[in-house]
N, C-alpha and C. Protein backbone atom coordinates (compact mmCIF):
# COMPACT_ATOMS: atom_id res chain seq x y z
N MET A 1 26.87 48.48 40.37
CA MET A 1 25.71 48.68 39.54
C MET A 1 26.14 48.73 38.08
N SER A 2 25.33 48.21 37.20
CA SER A 2 25.64 48.16 35.77
C SER A 2 25.25 49.47 35.10
N THR A 3 25.94 49.76 34.01
CA THR A 3 25.65 50.96 33.23
C THR A 3 24.97 50.55 31.93
N VAL A 4 23.80 51.12 31.69
CA VAL A 4 23.06 50.88 30.46
C VAL A 4 23.18 52.15 29.61
N PHE A 5 23.73 52.00 28.42
CA PHE A 5 23.87 53.11 27.50
C PHE A 5 22.61 53.21 26.65
N ILE A 6 22.06 54.41 26.56
CA ILE A 6 20.81 54.64 25.87
C ILE A 6 21.09 55.10 24.44
N PRO A 7 20.49 54.42 23.44
CA PRO A 7 20.69 54.86 22.06
C PRO A 7 20.18 56.29 21.86
N PRO A 8 20.83 57.06 21.00
CA PRO A 8 20.42 58.45 20.78
C PRO A 8 18.93 58.63 20.49
N ALA A 9 18.34 57.74 19.73
CA ALA A 9 16.93 57.88 19.36
C ALA A 9 15.99 57.74 20.56
N LEU A 10 16.48 57.16 21.66
CA LEU A 10 15.62 56.95 22.84
C LEU A 10 15.91 57.93 23.97
N ARG A 11 16.87 58.79 23.79
CA ARG A 11 17.25 59.71 24.87
C ARG A 11 16.16 60.72 25.20
N ARG A 12 15.21 60.90 24.31
CA ARG A 12 14.07 61.76 24.63
C ARG A 12 13.27 61.18 25.79
N LEU A 13 13.33 59.85 25.95
CA LEU A 13 12.62 59.17 27.04
C LEU A 13 13.37 59.26 28.37
N THR A 14 14.65 59.57 28.31
CA THR A 14 15.47 59.64 29.52
C THR A 14 15.85 61.06 29.89
N GLY A 15 15.17 62.01 29.30
CA GLY A 15 15.50 63.41 29.57
C GLY A 15 16.87 63.79 29.03
N GLY A 16 17.32 63.06 28.02
CA GLY A 16 18.61 63.34 27.42
C GLY A 16 19.76 62.54 27.98
N ALA A 17 19.51 61.74 29.02
CA ALA A 17 20.59 60.96 29.62
C ALA A 17 21.15 59.94 28.63
N GLU A 18 22.46 59.89 28.52
CA GLU A 18 23.14 58.95 27.63
C GLU A 18 23.32 57.58 28.27
N ARG A 19 23.29 57.55 29.60
CA ARG A 19 23.47 56.28 30.31
C ARG A 19 22.68 56.33 31.61
N VAL A 20 22.29 55.14 32.05
CA VAL A 20 21.54 54.99 33.29
C VAL A 20 22.21 53.87 34.08
N VAL A 21 22.45 54.10 35.35
CA VAL A 21 23.11 53.10 36.21
C VAL A 21 22.04 52.43 37.06
N VAL A 22 21.93 51.09 36.92
CA VAL A 22 20.90 50.32 37.62
C VAL A 22 21.47 48.96 38.03
N SER A 23 20.71 48.25 38.86
CA SER A 23 21.10 46.91 39.30
C SER A 23 20.21 45.85 38.67
N GLY A 24 20.78 44.66 38.49
CA GLY A 24 20.03 43.53 37.99
C GLY A 24 20.97 42.39 37.68
N ALA A 25 20.39 41.20 37.51
CA ALA A 25 21.19 40.01 37.23
C ALA A 25 21.26 39.67 35.75
N THR A 26 20.30 40.20 34.96
CA THR A 26 20.26 39.93 33.53
C THR A 26 20.00 41.23 32.77
N VAL A 27 20.19 41.18 31.47
CA VAL A 27 19.88 42.34 30.64
C VAL A 27 18.42 42.73 30.83
N GLY A 28 17.53 41.74 30.89
CA GLY A 28 16.11 42.02 31.09
C GLY A 28 15.84 42.73 32.40
N ASP A 29 16.53 42.31 33.46
CA ASP A 29 16.37 42.98 34.76
C ASP A 29 16.82 44.44 34.67
N LEU A 30 17.94 44.67 33.99
CA LEU A 30 18.44 46.03 33.85
C LEU A 30 17.46 46.88 33.06
N LEU A 31 16.93 46.31 31.99
CA LEU A 31 15.99 47.05 31.16
C LEU A 31 14.72 47.39 31.94
N ASP A 32 14.25 46.45 32.76
CA ASP A 32 13.08 46.71 33.61
C ASP A 32 13.37 47.85 34.58
N ALA A 33 14.58 47.86 35.15
CA ALA A 33 14.96 48.92 36.09
C ALA A 33 15.04 50.27 35.39
N VAL A 34 15.59 50.29 34.18
CA VAL A 34 15.65 51.54 33.42
C VAL A 34 14.22 52.02 33.12
N ASP A 35 13.36 51.09 32.76
CA ASP A 35 11.99 51.46 32.41
C ASP A 35 11.20 51.99 33.61
N ARG A 36 11.52 51.52 34.80
CA ARG A 36 10.87 52.08 35.98
C ARG A 36 11.25 53.54 36.18
N LEU A 37 12.49 53.87 35.85
CA LEU A 37 12.96 55.25 35.96
C LEU A 37 12.51 56.11 34.78
N HIS A 38 12.46 55.48 33.60
CA HIS A 38 12.16 56.19 32.36
C HIS A 38 11.17 55.37 31.54
N PRO A 39 9.89 55.47 31.86
CA PRO A 39 8.88 54.67 31.16
C PRO A 39 8.94 54.87 29.63
N GLY A 40 8.77 53.75 28.95
CA GLY A 40 8.76 53.77 27.49
C GLY A 40 10.00 53.18 26.86
N VAL A 41 11.09 53.12 27.61
CA VAL A 41 12.33 52.59 27.06
C VAL A 41 12.16 51.11 26.70
N ARG A 42 11.59 50.35 27.59
CA ARG A 42 11.40 48.91 27.34
C ARG A 42 10.52 48.68 26.11
N ASP A 43 9.42 49.41 26.01
CA ASP A 43 8.52 49.25 24.87
C ASP A 43 9.20 49.54 23.54
N ALA A 44 10.19 50.42 23.56
CA ALA A 44 10.91 50.76 22.34
C ALA A 44 11.89 49.67 21.90
N LEU A 45 12.27 48.80 22.82
CA LEU A 45 13.31 47.80 22.53
C LEU A 45 12.82 46.36 22.55
N VAL A 46 11.64 46.11 23.10
CA VAL A 46 11.17 44.74 23.32
C VAL A 46 9.84 44.49 22.62
N ARG A 47 9.69 43.30 22.04
CA ARG A 47 8.44 42.83 21.46
C ARG A 47 8.18 41.42 21.97
N ASP A 48 7.01 41.20 22.51
CA ASP A 48 6.63 39.86 22.99
C ASP A 48 7.68 39.27 23.93
N ASP A 49 8.17 40.07 24.86
CA ASP A 49 9.14 39.65 25.87
C ASP A 49 10.48 39.20 25.32
N GLU A 50 10.81 39.64 24.10
CA GLU A 50 12.14 39.40 23.53
C GLU A 50 12.60 40.70 22.89
N LEU A 51 13.90 40.83 22.71
CA LEU A 51 14.40 42.01 22.01
C LEU A 51 13.72 42.11 20.65
N ALA A 52 13.35 43.31 20.28
CA ALA A 52 12.75 43.52 18.96
C ALA A 52 13.72 43.02 17.89
N PRO A 53 13.20 42.54 16.77
CA PRO A 53 14.07 41.96 15.74
C PRO A 53 15.16 42.91 15.24
N HIS A 54 14.93 44.18 15.31
CA HIS A 54 15.89 45.14 14.78
C HIS A 54 16.90 45.62 15.82
N VAL A 55 16.87 45.04 17.02
CA VAL A 55 17.74 45.50 18.11
C VAL A 55 18.70 44.38 18.53
N ALA A 56 19.96 44.73 18.71
CA ALA A 56 20.94 43.82 19.29
C ALA A 56 21.41 44.41 20.61
N VAL A 57 21.97 43.57 21.46
CA VAL A 57 22.49 44.06 22.73
C VAL A 57 23.89 43.50 22.92
N SER A 58 24.77 44.34 23.46
CA SER A 58 26.10 43.86 23.81
C SER A 58 26.32 44.09 25.30
N VAL A 59 27.04 43.15 25.89
CA VAL A 59 27.41 43.24 27.30
C VAL A 59 28.92 43.20 27.36
N ASP A 60 29.50 44.24 27.90
CA ASP A 60 30.96 44.34 28.00
C ASP A 60 31.64 44.12 26.65
N ASP A 61 31.09 44.78 25.62
CA ASP A 61 31.64 44.79 24.27
C ASP A 61 31.53 43.46 23.53
N VAL A 62 30.67 42.56 23.99
CA VAL A 62 30.44 41.29 23.31
C VAL A 62 28.95 41.17 23.02
N VAL A 63 28.60 40.85 21.76
CA VAL A 63 27.19 40.67 21.42
C VAL A 63 26.63 39.57 22.30
N ALA A 64 25.47 39.85 22.89
CA ALA A 64 24.85 38.94 23.86
C ALA A 64 23.84 38.04 23.16
N PRO A 65 24.23 36.78 22.87
CA PRO A 65 23.32 35.89 22.14
C PRO A 65 22.05 35.54 22.91
N ALA A 66 22.08 35.61 24.23
CA ALA A 66 20.90 35.25 25.03
C ALA A 66 19.92 36.41 25.16
N GLY A 67 20.26 37.55 24.58
CA GLY A 67 19.34 38.69 24.61
C GLY A 67 19.00 39.14 26.01
N LEU A 68 17.72 39.21 26.33
CA LEU A 68 17.28 39.67 27.64
C LEU A 68 17.70 38.74 28.77
N ALA A 69 17.95 37.48 28.45
CA ALA A 69 18.35 36.50 29.48
C ALA A 69 19.85 36.52 29.76
N GLU A 70 20.60 37.30 29.00
CA GLU A 70 22.05 37.35 29.20
C GLU A 70 22.38 37.85 30.61
N GLU A 71 23.25 37.13 31.29
CA GLU A 71 23.63 37.53 32.64
C GLU A 71 24.61 38.69 32.60
N VAL A 72 24.53 39.53 33.62
CA VAL A 72 25.42 40.68 33.75
C VAL A 72 26.04 40.67 35.13
N THR A 73 27.11 41.44 35.29
CA THR A 73 27.74 41.60 36.59
C THR A 73 27.46 43.02 37.08
N GLU A 74 27.86 43.29 38.29
CA GLU A 74 27.63 44.62 38.86
C GLU A 74 28.41 45.70 38.11
N SER A 75 29.44 45.33 37.37
CA SER A 75 30.24 46.32 36.65
C SER A 75 30.02 46.28 35.13
N SER A 76 29.00 45.55 34.69
CA SER A 76 28.77 45.42 33.25
C SER A 76 28.37 46.74 32.59
N GLU A 77 28.75 46.84 31.32
CA GLU A 77 28.30 47.93 30.47
C GLU A 77 27.45 47.32 29.37
N VAL A 78 26.22 47.82 29.25
CA VAL A 78 25.25 47.25 28.31
C VAL A 78 24.89 48.31 27.27
N HIS A 79 24.99 47.90 26.00
CA HIS A 79 24.65 48.78 24.89
C HIS A 79 23.55 48.12 24.06
N PHE A 80 22.50 48.88 23.77
CA PHE A 80 21.48 48.42 22.83
C PHE A 80 21.82 49.05 21.50
N VAL A 81 21.91 48.18 20.47
CA VAL A 81 22.36 48.63 19.16
C VAL A 81 21.18 48.59 18.19
N PRO A 82 20.68 49.78 17.80
CA PRO A 82 19.60 49.83 16.83
C PRO A 82 20.13 49.53 15.44
N PRO A 83 19.24 49.31 14.49
CA PRO A 83 19.69 49.00 13.13
C PRO A 83 20.37 50.20 12.48
N LEU A 84 21.27 49.91 11.56
CA LEU A 84 21.92 50.97 10.80
C LEU A 84 21.19 51.13 9.48
N GLY A 85 20.92 52.33 9.09
CA GLY A 85 20.26 52.58 7.82
C GLY A 85 21.28 52.66 6.70
N GLY A 86 20.78 52.74 5.49
CA GLY A 86 21.67 52.88 4.34
C GLY A 86 21.57 51.68 3.43
N GLY A 87 22.44 51.64 2.51
CA GLY A 87 22.37 50.52 1.60
C GLY A 87 23.41 50.58 0.54
């Protein structure tokens, strides 16, 4: 099963959980599985069935150019990276 790491700003939706372990073939499948367990996570990261413009995703420490369509393995680690503030 893949591990999805939850950004700190969204942990209120997961009861404080930093990671959720779920199954799926793509990042989108994993996100759907997380959202079934913790409603609202998907809405915070996705717009019009694509990652929100301000969100990036990495799979196994590599930025995933295919976004939600990026394939994962059973041992993948997925991180959603929110924007960094500052200037």
